[in-house]
Protein backbone atom coordinates (compact mmCIF):
# COMPACT_ATOMS: atom_id res chain seq x y z
CA MET A 1 34.52 22.25 -22.24
CA PRO A 2 36.32 18.85 -22.06
CA GLU A 3 36.59 16.80 -24.70
CA VAL A 4 34.82 13.83 -24.66
CA SER A 5 36.50 10.71 -25.94
CA LYS A 6 34.92 8.21 -28.75
CA SER A 7 35.27 5.23 -26.44
CA ARG A 8 33.68 7.10 -23.46
CA VAL A 9 30.47 8.06 -26.03
CA ASP A 10 30.55 4.41 -27.25
CA ARG A 11 30.15 2.82 -23.52
CA HIS A 12 27.25 5.22 -22.96
CA GLN A 13 25.63 4.03 -26.34
CA CYS A 14 26.08 0.68 -25.35
CA ARG A 15 24.58 0.84 -21.92
CA TRP A 16 21.40 2.45 -23.28
CA GLN A 17 21.81 -0.09 -25.94
CA LEU A 18 21.30 -2.77 -23.17
CA ALA A 19 18.93 -0.54 -20.65
CA ILE A 20 16.09 -0.17 -23.15
CA PRO A 21 15.67 -3.99 -23.98
CA ALA A 22 16.04 -4.94 -20.40
CA VAL A 23 13.24 -2.22 -19.45
CA VAL A 24 10.89 -3.56 -22.20
CA LEU A 25 11.37 -7.18 -21.08
CA LEU A 26 11.04 -6.23 -17.17
CA PHE A 27 8.19 -3.98 -17.28
CA PRO A 28 5.75 -6.70 -18.54
CA LEU A 29 7.14 -9.20 -16.03
CA GLY A 30 6.58 -6.78 -13.20
CA LEU A 31 2.85 -6.46 -14.26
CA ALA A 32 2.67 -10.31 -14.75
CA VAL A 33 4.25 -10.62 -11.01
CA TYR A 34 1.68 -7.77 -9.96
CA ALA A 35 -1.18 -9.29 -11.68
CA TYR A 36 -0.46 -12.85 -9.92
CA ALA A 37 -0.20 -11.19 -6.41
CA ILE A 38 -3.68 -9.49 -6.69
CA ARG A 39 -5.27 -12.99 -7.73
CA ALA A 40 -3.19 -14.85 -5.09
CA ASN A 41 -4.21 -12.36 -2.31
CA ALA A 42 -7.70 -12.07 -3.42
CA ARG A 43 -7.77 -16.16 -3.25
CA ALA A 44 -6.39 -16.37 0.08
CA ILE A 45 -8.68 -13.95 1.68
CA LEU A 46 -11.49 -15.58 0.00
CA ARG A 47 -10.34 -19.00 1.17
CA ASP A 48 -9.90 -17.91 4.74
CA VAL A 49 -13.08 -16.21 5.04
CA ALA A 50 -15.02 -19.11 3.87
CA THR A 51 -13.67 -21.13 6.60
CA LEU A 52 -15.62 -19.13 8.69
CA LYS A 53 -18.98 -20.63 10.23
CA LEU A 54 -21.87 -18.33 11.20
CA GLY A 55 -22.63 -18.77 14.92
CA VAL A 56 -19.62 -20.86 15.51
CA SER A 57 -16.38 -18.77 14.43
CA SER A 58 -15.48 -16.77 17.02
CA LEU A 59 -14.19 -13.01 17.41
CA GLU A 60 -10.58 -14.48 18.05
CA ASP A 61 -10.83 -16.08 14.64
CA VAL A 62 -11.79 -13.04 12.97
CA LYS A 63 -8.83 -11.21 14.65
CA ALA A 64 -6.31 -14.16 13.33
CA LEU A 65 -8.00 -13.46 9.94
CA ALA A 66 -7.54 -9.65 10.03
CA ALA A 67 -3.87 -10.35 11.29
CA ARG A 68 -3.04 -12.58 8.25
CA HIS A 69 -4.21 -10.47 5.96
CA ARG A 70 -3.62 -7.01 7.59
CA ASN A 71 -2.02 -5.58 4.36
CA HIS A 72 -5.53 -5.55 2.80
CA LEU A 73 -7.68 -4.24 5.48
CA ASP A 74 -10.00 -1.62 3.93
CA ARG A 75 -9.94 0.54 7.08
CA ALA A 76 -9.09 0.24 10.88
CA MET A 77 -10.94 -2.77 12.61
CA ASN A 78 -13.53 -1.66 14.66
CA CYS A 79 -13.59 -4.15 17.54
CA ARG A 80 -15.13 -3.72 21.10
CA GLU A 81 -15.73 -6.51 23.77
CA GLN A 82 -18.13 -9.14 21.61
CA THR A 83 -18.63 -7.01 18.51
CA CYS A 84 -16.13 -6.67 15.66
CA SER A 85 -16.24 -5.55 11.99
CA VAL A 86 -13.74 -5.84 9.76
CA SER A 87 -13.50 -5.58 5.88
CA PHE A 88 -10.69 -6.49 3.12
CA VAL A 89 -10.26 -4.99 0.02
CA VAL A 90 -7.97 -6.13 -3.07
CA PRO A 91 -7.96 -3.38 -6.02
CA ASN A 92 -6.41 -4.10 -9.36
CA THR A 93 -5.10 -0.24 -9.12
CA TRP A 94 -2.01 -0.57 -11.29
CA LEU A 95 -3.58 -2.65 -14.21
CA HIS A 96 -6.50 0.29 -14.01
CA ARG A 97 -4.18 3.13 -13.77
CA LEU A 98 -2.33 2.17 -16.73
CA ARG A 99 -5.23 1.44 -18.56
CA LEU A 100 -4.44 -2.43 -19.00
CA GLU A 101 -7.64 -3.36 -17.36
CA PRO A 102 -10.98 -1.72 -16.06
CA GLU A 103 -11.00 -0.58 -12.41
CA ALA A 104 -11.87 -3.71 -10.23
CA ALA A 105 -11.71 -4.95 -6.47
CA PHE A 106 -12.18 -8.17 -4.56
CA GLY A 107 -13.83 -7.49 -1.28
CA ALA A 108 -14.78 -8.93 2.17
CA GLN A 109 -16.21 -7.97 5.29
CA VAL A 110 -16.81 -9.99 8.25
CA GLU A 111 -18.86 -9.02 11.42
CA VAL A 112 -18.82 -10.49 14.49
CA ASN A 113 -21.67 -9.97 17.44
CA GLY A 114 -22.13 -11.79 20.91
CA GLY A 115 -18.54 -13.21 20.23
CA LYS A 116 -19.76 -15.13 17.40
CA VAL A 117 -19.59 -14.43 13.46
CA ASP A 118 -23.07 -13.22 12.23
CA PHE A 119 -22.49 -11.73 8.98
CA ILE A 120 -20.06 -12.38 5.92
CA HIS A 121 -19.92 -10.21 2.86
CA VAL A 122 -18.04 -11.30 -0.30
CA ILE A 123 -17.99 -9.09 -3.33
CA LEU A 124 -16.12 -8.93 -6.81
CA ALA A 125 -16.87 -5.57 -8.74
CA ARG A 126 -15.65 -4.57 -12.18
CA ASN A 127 -16.14 -1.42 -13.84
CA THR A 128 -17.49 -2.89 -17.18
CA ARG A 129 -19.06 0.37 -18.45
CA VAL A 130 -22.24 -1.52 -18.96
CA PHE A 131 -24.18 0.08 -16.09
CA PRO A 132 -23.38 4.01 -15.95
CA THR A 133 -24.29 4.26 -11.95
CA SER A 134 -22.57 1.14 -10.29
CA ASN A 135 -19.82 -1.65 -10.95
CA SER A 136 -20.68 -5.26 -12.65
CA GLY A 137 -19.61 -8.17 -10.62
CA GLY A 138 -21.26 -10.84 -8.15
CA MET A 139 -21.74 -10.49 -4.39
CA THR A 140 -22.81 -13.00 -1.45
CA ASP A 141 -24.02 -12.47 1.98
CA GLU A 142 -24.52 -14.74 4.81
CA TYR A 143 -26.62 -13.64 7.82
CA LEU A 144 -26.89 -15.49 11.08
CA LYS A 145 -30.24 -13.85 11.02
CA PRO A 146 -31.27 -11.62 8.11
CA PRO A 147 -32.07 -8.17 8.81
CA VAL A 148 -35.76 -7.10 8.83
CA GLY A 149 -37.14 -5.81 5.57
CA LEU A 150 -35.09 -8.29 3.18
CA ALA A 151 -37.51 -9.78 0.77
CA TRP A 152 -37.47 -13.29 1.58
CA THR A 153 -37.73 -12.75 5.60
């Protein structure tokens, strides 16, 4: 067995002594950057969805929105000639997996019929463990023409 010099052992100890504090400092910094990115992405989607106008914004506007936020498309865009449905989701996956936050997600859905936006849905949901059957949060729906069967129609 080859002999290990004391200087070599000292170098390895020094590396470990530097690596551990670096990881301890960089891990929270990485989580902070991740949390900031989640918030910034959700805000950007919300800002862009809020600029859409029911009955005015076009299919091209929605396609441009989807292209800008393609990293957060919930599923493939379902578009045909004059109809389209696009939805986005921004989850807090790593904060939840590391048990730093309850599971939460921001979501938005936009539907186009007849070449114009006719439905916008925005939701922020968080598992607060208050309701055993569903997440808590807030949601807003905008309809060009409310579907039959809603309480206020």
